[in-house]
Amino acid sequence: MKLTVSMITMNEEGAVAKVVEDIRRVAPGAEILLVDSSKDRTAEIAQELGCRVIKQFPPQGYGPAMDRAVREASGDVVITLDCDDTYPVEVIPELVQKIEDGFDLVNTTRVWRRPKAMPLANFFANRFFALAARILHGLKTTDVHSGMRAYRKSMIDAVAWNPRGPALPVDMYVIPFRRGYKTAEVPIDYRERIGTTTLHRFSSTIWTLRRLWRARRA
């Protein structure tokens, strides 16, 4: 199966080379696709390393960028990944294998235990969101906001979601589950990021709760 690793980037020039090189090491034949809204040299560095780069400037936000990153992928399997070195690319072959084994979506969980790289408030918030997903949707998960997942591309093409806002990963997990697609979850070790975060915690929390509630109609 052809693989695409899709990332969205904003000012990740300090991390992009390492992340791309790490991906090449474990998945040498993969397409690496970036939807980039940077003002720095992120896109230039990525292109020099052979990545496919789609510029989205001015920035349209996390949701529209991620939606484009997965829908523009050419692979049969799409893996999403943050371009800040927080996620272990070493698990990519395992995620691909699970798709080949018949799963449609493979989530990775950062909070099967508390990662040292995650602030305590974020850890408890993620656990709360996971509990809400279980109560509202019957989804047995510990992490609805993981930035690293594997998707069957045919599933992405068949499922619609609203890309607005920073909580799109919730819909990208919950809606396929509610539609009957086969999902799995793999624990990973989450690491300290390279660079600074662009996440706004309060708005992300509001968007997450709203999406979890509205997904009941999916």
N, C-alpha and C. Protein backbone atom coordinates (compact mmCIF):
# COMPACT_ATOMS: atom_id res chain seq x y z
N MET A 1 0.84 -1.19 0.00
CA MET A 1 0.00 0.00 0.00
C MET A 1 0.88 1.25 0.00
N LYS A 2 0.52 2.21 -0.83
CA LYS A 2 1.28 3.45 -0.89
C LYS A 2 0.98 4.30 0.34
N LEU A 3 2.02 4.92 0.88
CA LEU A 3 1.90 5.68 2.13
C LEU A 3 2.16 7.16 1.90
N THR A 4 1.32 7.99 2.50
CA THR A 4 1.57 9.43 2.61
C THR A 4 1.65 9.80 4.08
N VAL A 5 2.68 10.55 4.44
CA VAL A 5 2.77 11.14 5.78
C VAL A 5 2.43 12.61 5.63
N SER A 6 1.33 13.04 6.23
CA SER A 6 0.83 14.40 6.07
C SER A 6 1.04 15.20 7.35
N MET A 7 1.57 16.40 7.20
CA MET A 7 1.79 17.29 8.34
C MET A 7 1.34 18.69 7.98
N ILE A 8 0.89 19.43 8.99
CA ILE A 8 0.65 20.86 8.80
C ILE A 8 1.73 21.60 9.58
N THR A 9 2.22 22.68 9.01
CA THR A 9 3.37 23.35 9.60
C THR A 9 3.17 24.85 9.68
N MET A 10 3.67 25.41 10.77
CA MET A 10 3.73 26.86 10.93
C MET A 10 5.00 27.18 11.71
N ASN A 11 5.98 27.68 10.99
CA ASN A 11 7.25 28.11 11.60
C ASN A 11 7.95 26.98 12.35
N GLU A 12 8.20 25.89 11.63
CA GLU A 12 8.86 24.72 12.21
C GLU A 12 10.26 24.51 11.61
N GLU A 13 10.93 25.61 11.22
CA GLU A 13 12.23 25.44 10.56
C GLU A 13 13.26 24.77 11.46
N GLY A 14 13.09 24.85 12.77
CA GLY A 14 14.03 24.21 13.67
C GLY A 14 13.85 22.71 13.79
N ALA A 15 12.70 22.19 13.37
CA ALA A 15 12.40 20.77 13.54
C ALA A 15 12.20 20.02 12.25
N VAL A 16 11.82 20.72 11.17
CA VAL A 16 11.34 20.02 9.98
C VAL A 16 12.38 19.08 9.38
N ALA A 17 13.64 19.48 9.34
CA ALA A 17 14.66 18.61 8.73
C ALA A 17 14.80 17.30 9.50
N LYS A 18 14.85 17.39 10.83
CA LYS A 18 14.98 16.18 11.64
C LYS A 18 13.77 15.27 11.46
N VAL A 19 12.58 15.85 11.49
CA VAL A 19 11.37 15.04 11.38
C VAL A 19 11.31 14.34 10.02
N VAL A 20 11.60 15.08 8.96
CA VAL A 20 11.57 14.50 7.61
C VAL A 20 12.61 13.39 7.48
N GLU A 21 13.81 13.63 7.97
CA GLU A 21 14.86 12.62 7.89
C GLU A 21 14.49 11.37 8.69
N ASP A 22 13.86 11.57 9.84
CA ASP A 22 13.42 10.42 10.64
C ASP A 22 12.35 9.61 9.91
N ILE A 23 11.42 10.31 9.25
CA ILE A 23 10.39 9.62 8.48
C ILE A 23 11.01 8.82 7.34
N ARG A 24 11.95 9.44 6.63
CA ARG A 24 12.62 8.75 5.52
C ARG A 24 13.32 7.47 6.00
N ARG A 25 13.82 7.51 7.22
CA ARG A 25 14.55 6.36 7.75
C ARG A 25 13.63 5.16 7.95
N VAL A 26 12.40 5.40 8.42
CA VAL A 26 11.50 4.28 8.72
C VAL A 26 10.51 4.00 7.59
N ALA A 27 10.31 4.97 6.69
CA ALA A 27 9.36 4.80 5.58
C ALA A 27 9.97 5.44 4.33
N PRO A 28 11.02 4.84 3.78
CA PRO A 28 11.78 5.48 2.71
C PRO A 28 10.99 5.75 1.44
N GLY A 29 9.93 5.01 1.18
CA GLY A 29 9.17 5.23 -0.04
C GLY A 29 7.96 6.12 0.11
N ALA A 30 7.76 6.68 1.28
CA ALA A 30 6.53 7.44 1.55
C ALA A 30 6.56 8.82 0.89
N GLU A 31 5.38 9.26 0.46
CA GLU A 31 5.20 10.66 0.11
C GLU A 31 5.11 11.45 1.41
N ILE A 32 5.85 12.54 1.51
CA ILE A 32 5.75 13.42 2.68
C ILE A 32 5.12 14.72 2.20
N LEU A 33 3.96 15.03 2.75
CA LEU A 33 3.17 16.17 2.32
C LEU A 33 3.03 17.17 3.45
N LEU A 34 3.35 18.43 3.18
CA LEU A 34 3.19 19.50 4.16
C LEU A 34 2.20 20.53 3.64
N VAL A 35 1.23 20.90 4.46
CA VAL A 35 0.42 22.09 4.22
C VAL A 35 1.00 23.16 5.13
N ASP A 36 1.62 24.16 4.52
CA ASP A 36 2.48 25.07 5.26
C ASP A 36 1.94 26.50 5.28
N SER A 37 1.93 27.09 6.48
CA SER A 37 1.51 28.48 6.66
C SER A 37 2.61 29.29 7.34
N SER A 38 3.85 28.94 7.09
CA SER A 38 4.98 29.53 7.80
C SER A 38 5.43 30.86 7.19
N LYS A 39 6.06 31.65 8.04
CA LYS A 39 6.77 32.85 7.60
C LYS A 39 8.27 32.62 7.56
N ASP A 40 8.71 31.49 8.11
CA ASP A 40 10.15 31.20 8.14
C ASP A 40 10.51 30.27 6.97
N ARG A 41 11.59 29.51 7.08
CA ARG A 41 12.10 28.70 5.98
C ARG A 41 11.59 27.26 6.00
N THR A 42 10.52 27.01 6.73
CA THR A 42 10.02 25.63 6.82
C THR A 42 9.76 25.03 5.44
N ALA A 43 9.01 25.72 4.60
CA ALA A 43 8.65 25.19 3.28
C ALA A 43 9.88 24.98 2.42
N GLU A 44 10.80 25.93 2.45
CA GLU A 44 12.02 25.84 1.64
C GLU A 44 12.85 24.62 2.04
N ILE A 45 13.01 24.42 3.34
CA ILE A 45 13.78 23.27 3.83
C ILE A 45 13.10 21.97 3.42
N ALA A 46 11.78 21.91 3.58
CA ALA A 46 11.04 20.70 3.24
C ALA A 46 11.16 20.37 1.75
N GLN A 47 11.06 21.39 0.91
CA GLN A 47 11.18 21.16 -0.53
C GLN A 47 12.58 20.68 -0.90
N GLU A 48 13.58 21.23 -0.25
CA GLU A 48 14.96 20.79 -0.50
C GLU A 48 15.15 19.32 -0.14
N LEU A 49 14.34 18.84 0.81
CA LEU A 49 14.42 17.44 1.24
C LEU A 49 13.48 16.53 0.46
N GLY A 50 12.85 17.07 -0.58
CA GLY A 50 12.02 16.25 -1.45
C GLY A 50 10.57 16.12 -1.04
N CYS A 51 10.11 16.94 -0.11
CA CYS A 51 8.71 16.89 0.31
C CYS A 51 7.82 17.63 -0.68
N ARG A 52 6.57 17.23 -0.71
CA ARG A 52 5.56 17.97 -1.46
C ARG A 52 4.97 19.02 -0.51
N VAL A 53 5.00 20.28 -0.91
CA VAL A 53 4.56 21.37 -0.05
C VAL A 53 3.40 22.11 -0.70
N ILE A 54 2.32 22.27 0.04
CA ILE A 54 1.19 23.09 -0.37
C ILE A 54 1.17 24.31 0.53
N LYS A 55 1.32 25.48 -0.06
CA LYS A 55 1.31 26.71 0.73
C LYS A 55 -0.13 27.13 1.01
N GLN A 56 -0.40 27.45 2.26
CA GLN A 56 -1.71 27.95 2.67
C GLN A 56 -1.46 29.25 3.44
N PHE A 57 -1.36 30.33 2.67
CA PHE A 57 -1.03 31.61 3.29
C PHE A 57 -1.85 32.70 2.62
N PRO A 58 -2.52 33.56 3.42
CA PRO A 58 -2.45 33.62 4.87
C PRO A 58 -3.04 32.36 5.52
N PRO A 59 -2.63 32.09 6.76
CA PRO A 59 -3.11 30.88 7.45
C PRO A 59 -4.63 30.86 7.57
N GLN A 60 -5.21 29.68 7.40
CA GLN A 60 -6.66 29.50 7.54
C GLN A 60 -7.03 28.75 8.81
N GLY A 61 -6.03 28.40 9.62
CA GLY A 61 -6.30 27.71 10.87
C GLY A 61 -6.01 26.23 10.79
N TYR A 62 -5.98 25.61 11.97
CA TYR A 62 -5.60 24.20 12.08
C TYR A 62 -6.53 23.28 11.28
N GLY A 63 -7.84 23.45 11.47
CA GLY A 63 -8.79 22.54 10.85
C GLY A 63 -8.71 22.50 9.34
N PRO A 64 -8.84 23.65 8.66
CA PRO A 64 -8.74 23.63 7.20
C PRO A 64 -7.40 23.11 6.69
N ALA A 65 -6.32 23.40 7.41
CA ALA A 65 -5.01 22.90 6.99
C ALA A 65 -4.94 21.39 7.11
N MET A 66 -5.41 20.84 8.22
CA MET A 66 -5.37 19.39 8.40
C MET A 66 -6.30 18.68 7.41
N ASP A 67 -7.47 19.25 7.19
CA ASP A 67 -8.40 18.66 6.22
C ASP A 67 -7.75 18.57 4.85
N ARG A 68 -7.08 19.62 4.44
CA ARG A 68 -6.42 19.60 3.13
C ARG A 68 -5.26 18.62 3.12
N ALA A 69 -4.55 18.53 4.23
CA ALA A 69 -3.38 17.65 4.30
C ALA A 69 -3.76 16.18 4.11
N VAL A 70 -4.92 15.78 4.60
CA VAL A 70 -5.31 14.37 4.43
C VAL A 70 -6.03 14.14 3.11
N ARG A 71 -6.79 15.12 2.66
CA ARG A 71 -7.55 14.92 1.42
C ARG A 71 -6.67 15.03 0.18
N GLU A 72 -5.58 15.78 0.26
CA GLU A 72 -4.67 15.92 -0.88
C GLU A 72 -3.66 14.78 -0.97
N ALA A 73 -3.63 13.92 0.02
CA ALA A 73 -2.66 12.82 0.04
C ALA A 73 -2.92 11.86 -1.12
N SER A 74 -1.84 11.33 -1.69
CA SER A 74 -1.96 10.40 -2.81
C SER A 74 -1.87 8.95 -2.38
N GLY A 75 -1.53 8.69 -1.12
CA GLY A 75 -1.33 7.32 -0.66
C GLY A 75 -2.63 6.59 -0.36
N ASP A 76 -2.53 5.27 -0.28
CA ASP A 76 -3.66 4.44 0.16
C ASP A 76 -3.81 4.51 1.68
N VAL A 77 -2.71 4.80 2.36
CA VAL A 77 -2.68 5.00 3.81
C VAL A 77 -2.15 6.40 4.07
N VAL A 78 -2.82 7.12 4.96
CA VAL A 78 -2.38 8.47 5.32
C VAL A 78 -2.07 8.50 6.81
N ILE A 79 -0.86 8.90 7.13
CA ILE A 79 -0.47 9.07 8.53
C ILE A 79 -0.32 10.55 8.81
N THR A 80 -1.00 11.03 9.84
CA THR A 80 -0.84 12.41 10.27
C THR A 80 0.18 12.47 11.39
N LEU A 81 0.90 13.57 11.41
CA LEU A 81 2.02 13.69 12.34
C LEU A 81 2.29 15.17 12.57
N ASP A 82 2.57 15.56 13.81
CA ASP A 82 2.99 16.93 14.08
C ASP A 82 4.46 17.08 13.71
N CYS A 83 4.81 18.22 13.13
CA CYS A 83 6.18 18.43 12.66
C CYS A 83 7.02 19.12 13.72
N ASP A 84 6.97 18.60 14.95
CA ASP A 84 7.72 19.22 16.05
C ASP A 84 8.53 18.21 16.85
N ASP A 85 8.62 16.98 16.32
CA ASP A 85 9.42 15.91 16.93
C ASP A 85 8.82 15.39 18.24
N THR A 86 7.53 15.59 18.45
CA THR A 86 6.91 15.08 19.68
C THR A 86 6.44 13.63 19.53
N TYR A 87 6.22 13.19 18.30
CA TYR A 87 5.68 11.85 18.06
C TYR A 87 6.76 10.90 17.54
N PRO A 88 6.75 9.64 17.98
CA PRO A 88 7.78 8.68 17.59
C PRO A 88 7.51 8.09 16.20
N VAL A 89 8.26 8.51 15.21
CA VAL A 89 8.04 8.00 13.86
C VAL A 89 8.33 6.51 13.77
N GLU A 90 9.00 5.96 14.76
CA GLU A 90 9.33 4.53 14.74
C GLU A 90 8.09 3.64 14.71
N VAL A 91 6.93 4.17 15.11
CA VAL A 91 5.72 3.34 15.10
C VAL A 91 5.00 3.37 13.76
N ILE A 92 5.49 4.15 12.80
CA ILE A 92 4.83 4.22 11.49
C ILE A 92 4.62 2.85 10.86
N PRO A 93 5.63 1.97 10.81
CA PRO A 93 5.39 0.65 10.22
C PRO A 93 4.29 -0.14 10.93
N GLU A 94 4.20 -0.01 12.25
CA GLU A 94 3.15 -0.71 13.00
C GLU A 94 1.77 -0.17 12.62
N LEU A 95 1.66 1.15 12.46
CA LEU A 95 0.38 1.74 12.10
C LEU A 95 -0.04 1.30 10.70
N VAL A 96 0.90 1.31 9.78
CA VAL A 96 0.60 0.86 8.42
C VAL A 96 0.17 -0.60 8.41
N GLN A 97 0.84 -1.42 9.19
CA GLN A 97 0.50 -2.84 9.25
C GLN A 97 -0.93 -3.05 9.74
N LYS A 98 -1.35 -2.25 10.70
CA LYS A 98 -2.72 -2.40 11.21
C LYS A 98 -3.75 -2.04 10.14
N ILE A 99 -3.45 -1.03 9.32
CA ILE A 99 -4.35 -0.72 8.20
C ILE A 99 -4.38 -1.90 7.23
N GLU A 100 -3.22 -2.46 6.93
CA GLU A 100 -3.16 -3.62 6.04
C GLU A 100 -3.89 -4.82 6.63
N ASP A 101 -3.96 -4.88 7.96
CA ASP A 101 -4.66 -5.98 8.63
C ASP A 101 -6.17 -5.80 8.65
N GLY A 102 -6.66 -4.64 8.19
CA GLY A 102 -8.10 -4.46 8.08
C GLY A 102 -8.70 -3.30 8.85
N PHE A 103 -7.91 -2.62 9.68
CA PHE A 103 -8.43 -1.46 10.38
C PHE A 103 -8.51 -0.28 9.41
N ASP A 104 -9.47 0.61 9.66
CA ASP A 104 -9.65 1.80 8.82
C ASP A 104 -9.00 3.03 9.43
N LEU A 105 -8.85 3.03 10.74
CA LEU A 105 -8.27 4.17 11.46
C LEU A 105 -7.51 3.63 12.66
N VAL A 106 -6.27 4.05 12.81
CA VAL A 106 -5.47 3.64 13.96
C VAL A 106 -5.03 4.89 14.69
N ASN A 107 -5.55 5.06 15.89
CA ASN A 107 -5.21 6.21 16.72
C ASN A 107 -4.00 5.87 17.59
N THR A 108 -3.16 6.86 17.86
CA THR A 108 -2.13 6.67 18.88
C THR A 108 -2.55 7.44 20.12
N THR A 109 -2.25 6.88 21.27
CA THR A 109 -2.61 7.56 22.51
C THR A 109 -1.36 7.98 23.27
N ARG A 110 -1.34 9.25 23.63
CA ARG A 110 -0.22 9.81 24.40
C ARG A 110 -0.46 9.67 25.89
N VAL A 111 -1.70 9.45 26.30
CA VAL A 111 -2.06 9.57 27.72
C VAL A 111 -2.49 8.24 28.33
N TRP A 112 -1.98 7.13 27.81
CA TRP A 112 -2.19 5.85 28.49
C TRP A 112 -1.49 5.88 29.84
N ARG A 113 -0.49 6.74 29.96
CA ARG A 113 0.10 7.14 31.23
C ARG A 113 0.47 8.61 31.05
N ARG A 114 0.80 9.30 32.13
CA ARG A 114 1.09 10.72 31.99
C ARG A 114 2.48 10.92 31.39
N PRO A 115 2.57 11.52 30.18
CA PRO A 115 3.88 11.79 29.59
C PRO A 115 4.54 12.99 30.26
N LYS A 116 5.84 12.90 30.48
CA LYS A 116 6.56 14.00 31.11
C LYS A 116 6.49 15.28 30.28
N ALA A 117 6.34 15.13 28.96
CA ALA A 117 6.32 16.29 28.07
C ALA A 117 4.98 17.01 28.05
N MET A 118 3.97 16.48 28.74
CA MET A 118 2.64 17.08 28.71
C MET A 118 2.32 17.71 30.06
N PRO A 119 1.96 19.02 30.07
CA PRO A 119 1.56 19.65 31.32
C PRO A 119 0.41 18.90 31.99
N LEU A 120 0.37 18.94 33.31
CA LEU A 120 -0.64 18.20 34.06
C LEU A 120 -2.05 18.60 33.64
N ALA A 121 -2.27 19.90 33.42
CA ALA A 121 -3.60 20.36 33.02
C ALA A 121 -4.02 19.75 31.69
N ASN A 122 -3.09 19.65 30.75
CA ASN A 122 -3.39 19.04 29.46
C ASN A 122 -3.71 17.56 29.60
N PHE A 123 -2.96 16.89 30.48
CA PHE A 123 -3.18 15.46 30.70
C PHE A 123 -4.60 15.20 31.20
N PHE A 124 -5.02 15.95 32.22
CA PHE A 124 -6.35 15.74 32.77
C PHE A 124 -7.44 16.17 31.79
N ALA A 125 -7.18 17.23 31.01
CA ALA A 125 -8.14 17.65 29.99
C ALA A 125 -8.34 16.55 28.95
N ASN A 126 -7.24 15.96 28.50
CA ASN A 126 -7.34 14.88 27.51
C ASN A 126 -8.07 13.67 28.07
N ARG A 127 -7.82 13.35 29.33
CA ARG A 127 -8.54 12.24 29.96
C ARG A 127 -10.04 12.55 30.04
N PHE A 128 -10.38 13.80 30.36
CA PHE A 128 -11.79 14.19 30.43
C PHE A 128 -12.45 14.09 29.06
N PHE A 129 -11.77 14.57 28.01
CA PHE A 129 -12.33 14.48 26.67
C PHE A 129 -12.56 13.02 26.27
N ALA A 130 -11.62 12.15 26.64
CA ALA A 130 -11.76 10.73 26.32
C ALA A 130 -12.96 10.12 27.05
N LEU A 131 -13.16 10.51 28.31
CA LEU A 131 -14.32 10.03 29.06
C LEU A 131 -15.61 10.50 28.40
N ALA A 132 -15.63 11.76 27.95
CA ALA A 132 -16.82 12.28 27.27
C ALA A 132 -17.09 11.50 25.99
N ALA A 133 -16.04 11.15 25.26
CA ALA A 133 -16.21 10.37 24.02
C ALA A 133 -16.79 9.00 24.32
N ARG A 134 -16.38 8.42 25.43
CA ARG A 134 -16.90 7.10 25.81
C ARG A 134 -18.38 7.20 26.19
N ILE A 135 -18.73 8.23 26.97
CA ILE A 135 -20.12 8.38 27.43
C ILE A 135 -21.05 8.73 26.26
N LEU A 136 -20.63 9.67 25.42
CA LEU A 136 -21.50 10.16 24.35
C LEU A 136 -21.54 9.23 23.14
N HIS A 137 -20.44 8.53 22.89
CA HIS A 137 -20.34 7.78 21.63
C HIS A 137 -19.98 6.30 21.79
N GLY A 138 -19.65 5.88 23.00
CA GLY A 138 -19.24 4.49 23.18
C GLY A 138 -17.85 4.19 22.67
N LEU A 139 -17.06 5.22 22.43
CA LEU A 139 -15.72 5.06 21.89
C LEU A 139 -14.73 4.83 23.03
N LYS A 140 -14.14 3.65 23.07
CA LYS A 140 -13.18 3.32 24.12
C LYS A 140 -11.80 3.84 23.71
N THR A 141 -11.47 5.01 24.18
CA THR A 141 -10.22 5.67 23.83
C THR A 141 -9.67 6.38 25.05
N THR A 142 -8.40 6.69 25.02
CA THR A 142 -7.81 7.53 26.07
C THR A 142 -7.31 8.86 25.51
N ASP A 143 -7.46 9.07 24.18
CA ASP A 143 -6.88 10.28 23.57
C ASP A 143 -7.60 10.62 22.28
N VAL A 144 -8.50 11.60 22.32
CA VAL A 144 -9.22 12.00 21.11
C VAL A 144 -8.50 13.10 20.34
N HIS A 145 -7.39 13.59 20.89
CA HIS A 145 -6.70 14.72 20.27
C HIS A 145 -5.29 14.37 19.79
N SER A 146 -4.99 13.10 19.67
CA SER A 146 -3.65 12.74 19.22
C SER A 146 -3.39 13.29 17.82
N GLY A 147 -2.19 13.81 17.61
CA GLY A 147 -1.81 14.32 16.30
C GLY A 147 -1.23 13.27 15.39
N MET A 148 -1.10 12.04 15.88
CA MET A 148 -0.53 10.95 15.08
C MET A 148 -1.55 9.84 14.92
N ARG A 149 -2.00 9.65 13.68
CA ARG A 149 -2.95 8.59 13.36
C ARG A 149 -2.66 8.03 11.97
N ALA A 150 -3.18 6.85 11.72
CA ALA A 150 -3.17 6.27 10.37
C ALA A 150 -4.62 6.13 9.91
N TYR A 151 -4.87 6.55 8.68
CA TYR A 151 -6.20 6.48 8.09
C TYR A 151 -6.14 5.73 6.76
N ARG A 152 -7.15 4.93 6.51
CA ARG A 152 -7.33 4.39 5.16
C ARG A 152 -7.86 5.53 4.29
N LYS A 153 -7.19 5.80 3.16
CA LYS A 153 -7.56 6.97 2.36
C LYS A 153 -8.98 6.84 1.81
N SER A 154 -9.41 5.65 1.47
CA SER A 154 -10.77 5.48 0.96
C SER A 154 -11.81 5.87 2.01
N MET A 155 -11.48 5.71 3.29
CA MET A 155 -12.37 6.14 4.35
C MET A 155 -12.43 7.66 4.41
N ILE A 156 -11.28 8.31 4.31
CA ILE A 156 -11.25 9.77 4.30
C ILE A 156 -12.12 10.31 3.17
N ASP A 157 -12.00 9.70 1.99
CA ASP A 157 -12.76 10.16 0.83
C ASP A 157 -14.26 9.98 1.03
N ALA A 158 -14.65 9.04 1.88
CA ALA A 158 -16.07 8.71 2.05
C ALA A 158 -16.74 9.47 3.20
N VAL A 159 -15.95 10.08 4.08
CA VAL A 159 -16.49 10.70 5.29
C VAL A 159 -16.34 12.21 5.21
N ALA A 160 -17.41 12.92 5.53
CA ALA A 160 -17.38 14.39 5.56
C ALA A 160 -17.36 14.87 6.99
N TRP A 161 -16.66 15.98 7.22
CA TRP A 161 -16.65 16.64 8.53
C TRP A 161 -16.49 18.13 8.30
N ASN A 162 -16.81 18.90 9.32
CA ASN A 162 -16.64 20.35 9.25
C ASN A 162 -15.21 20.68 9.65
N PRO A 163 -14.39 21.23 8.74
CA PRO A 163 -12.99 21.45 9.06
C PRO A 163 -12.70 22.67 9.92
N ARG A 164 -13.70 23.46 10.24
CA ARG A 164 -13.45 24.69 10.99
C ARG A 164 -12.97 24.38 12.41
N GLY A 165 -12.04 25.21 12.89
CA GLY A 165 -11.65 25.16 14.29
C GLY A 165 -10.49 24.23 14.58
N PRO A 166 -9.93 24.33 15.80
CA PRO A 166 -8.74 23.57 16.17
C PRO A 166 -9.01 22.15 16.65
N ALA A 167 -10.27 21.73 16.72
CA ALA A 167 -10.60 20.42 17.28
C ALA A 167 -11.00 19.41 16.22
N LEU A 168 -10.58 19.62 14.97
CA LEU A 168 -10.93 18.69 13.91
C LEU A 168 -10.54 17.24 14.22
N PRO A 169 -9.40 16.96 14.89
CA PRO A 169 -9.08 15.56 15.18
C PRO A 169 -10.19 14.80 15.90
N VAL A 170 -11.03 15.50 16.65
CA VAL A 170 -12.15 14.84 17.32
C VAL A 170 -13.11 14.26 16.28
N ASP A 171 -13.53 15.07 15.32
CA ASP A 171 -14.42 14.58 14.28
C ASP A 171 -13.76 13.50 13.43
N MET A 172 -12.47 13.65 13.18
CA MET A 172 -11.75 12.69 12.33
C MET A 172 -11.65 11.32 12.99
N TYR A 173 -11.90 11.24 14.28
CA TYR A 173 -11.89 9.98 15.02
C TYR A 173 -13.31 9.50 15.32
N VAL A 174 -14.12 10.41 15.87
CA VAL A 174 -15.44 10.02 16.35
C VAL A 174 -16.40 9.70 15.21
N ILE A 175 -16.42 10.53 14.16
CA ILE A 175 -17.38 10.31 13.08
C ILE A 175 -17.14 8.97 12.37
N PRO A 176 -15.90 8.63 11.97
CA PRO A 176 -15.71 7.30 11.38
C PRO A 176 -16.14 6.17 12.31
N PHE A 177 -15.84 6.31 13.61
CA PHE A 177 -16.26 5.28 14.57
C PHE A 177 -17.78 5.13 14.56
N ARG A 178 -18.49 6.23 14.59
CA ARG A 178 -19.96 6.18 14.61
C ARG A 178 -20.52 5.63 13.29
N ARG A 179 -19.77 5.79 12.22
CA ARG A 179 -20.23 5.27 10.92
C ARG A 179 -19.92 3.78 10.74
N GLY A 180 -19.27 3.19 11.73
CA GLY A 180 -19.03 1.76 11.66
C GLY A 180 -17.67 1.35 11.13
N TYR A 181 -16.78 2.31 10.93
CA TYR A 181 -15.43 1.96 10.49
C TYR A 181 -14.66 1.33 11.64
N LYS A 182 -13.73 0.46 11.29
CA LYS A 182 -12.98 -0.32 12.27
C LYS A 182 -11.79 0.48 12.77
N THR A 183 -11.71 0.68 14.09
CA THR A 183 -10.66 1.51 14.68
C THR A 183 -9.83 0.71 15.68
N ALA A 184 -8.61 1.18 15.89
CA ALA A 184 -7.70 0.59 16.87
C ALA A 184 -6.91 1.71 17.53
N GLU A 185 -6.24 1.38 18.62
CA GLU A 185 -5.45 2.39 19.34
C GLU A 185 -4.12 1.78 19.79
N VAL A 186 -3.05 2.57 19.62
CA VAL A 186 -1.70 2.12 19.94
C VAL A 186 -1.07 3.12 20.91
N PRO A 187 -0.56 2.68 22.06
CA PRO A 187 0.11 3.60 22.99
C PRO A 187 1.48 4.01 22.46
N ILE A 188 1.82 5.27 22.68
CA ILE A 188 3.12 5.79 22.26
C ILE A 188 3.74 6.62 23.38
N ASP A 189 5.01 6.89 23.25
CA ASP A 189 5.70 7.81 24.16
C ASP A 189 5.77 9.18 23.50
N TYR A 190 5.24 10.17 24.19
CA TYR A 190 5.14 11.55 23.70
C TYR A 190 6.33 12.33 24.22
N ARG A 191 6.97 13.13 23.33
CA ARG A 191 8.22 13.79 23.68
C ARG A 191 8.09 15.30 23.73
N GLU A 192 9.10 15.94 24.31
CA GLU A 192 9.18 17.40 24.31
C GLU A 192 9.28 17.90 22.88
N ARG A 193 8.54 18.97 22.57
CA ARG A 193 8.55 19.50 21.23
C ARG A 193 9.78 20.36 20.98
N ILE A 194 10.14 20.48 19.71
CA ILE A 194 11.15 21.44 19.27
C ILE A 194 10.42 22.69 18.83
N GLY A 195 10.76 23.84 19.39
CA GLY A 195 10.08 25.08 19.05
C GLY A 195 8.95 25.38 20.00
N THR A 196 8.16 26.40 19.66
CA THR A 196 7.07 26.86 20.53
C THR A 196 5.73 26.44 19.96
N THR A 197 4.76 26.23 20.85
CA THR A 197 3.45 25.80 20.41
C THR A 197 2.60 26.97 19.93
N THR A 198 1.68 26.69 18.99
CA THR A 198 0.73 27.70 18.54
C THR A 198 -0.68 27.39 19.03
N LEU A 199 -0.81 26.40 19.92
CA LEU A 199 -2.12 25.99 20.43
C LEU A 199 -2.65 26.98 21.44
N HIS A 200 -3.93 27.34 21.30
CA HIS A 200 -4.62 28.17 22.28
C HIS A 200 -5.52 27.25 23.11
N ARG A 201 -5.14 27.01 24.35
CA ARG A 201 -5.77 25.96 25.16
C ARG A 201 -7.26 26.20 25.36
N PHE A 202 -7.67 27.44 25.68
CA PHE A 202 -9.07 27.69 25.99
C PHE A 202 -9.96 27.45 24.78
N SER A 203 -9.58 28.03 23.63
CA SER A 203 -10.41 27.87 22.44
C SER A 203 -10.45 26.41 22.00
N SER A 204 -9.33 25.70 22.15
CA SER A 204 -9.30 24.29 21.79
C SER A 204 -10.26 23.47 22.66
N THR A 205 -10.33 23.81 23.95
CA THR A 205 -11.24 23.11 24.86
C THR A 205 -12.70 23.32 24.45
N ILE A 206 -13.06 24.56 24.15
CA ILE A 206 -14.44 24.87 23.75
C ILE A 206 -14.80 24.14 22.46
N TRP A 207 -13.90 24.19 21.48
CA TRP A 207 -14.15 23.51 20.21
C TRP A 207 -14.28 22.00 20.42
N THR A 208 -13.46 21.44 21.28
CA THR A 208 -13.50 19.99 21.52
C THR A 208 -14.84 19.57 22.11
N LEU A 209 -15.29 20.26 23.14
CA LEU A 209 -16.56 19.92 23.77
C LEU A 209 -17.72 20.09 22.80
N ARG A 210 -17.66 21.13 22.00
CA ARG A 210 -18.72 21.36 21.01
C ARG A 210 -18.77 20.23 19.98
N ARG A 211 -17.60 19.82 19.51
CA ARG A 211 -17.55 18.76 18.50
C ARG A 211 -18.01 17.42 19.08
N LEU A 212 -17.61 17.12 20.29
CA LEU A 212 -18.04 15.87 20.91
C LEU A 212 -19.56 15.82 21.04
N TRP A 213 -20.17 16.94 21.36
CA TRP A 213 -21.61 16.99 21.51
C TRP A 213 -22.31 16.88 20.15
N ARG A 214 -21.84 17.64 19.18
CA ARG A 214 -22.51 17.67 17.88
C ARG A 214 -22.31 16.38 17.09
N ALA A 215 -21.24 15.66 17.38
CA ALA A 215 -20.98 14.41 16.65
C ALA A 215 -22.02 13.34 16.93
N ARG A 216 -22.87 13.56 17.93
CA ARG A 216 -23.96 12.61 18.19
C ARG A 216 -24.89 12.48 17.00
N ARG A 217 -24.91 13.51 16.15
CA ARG A 217 -25.79 13.49 14.98
C ARG A 217 -25.10 12.92 13.75
N ALA A 218 -23.86 12.49 13.90
CA ALA A 218 -23.11 11.98 12.74
C ALA A 218 -23.68 10.66 12.23
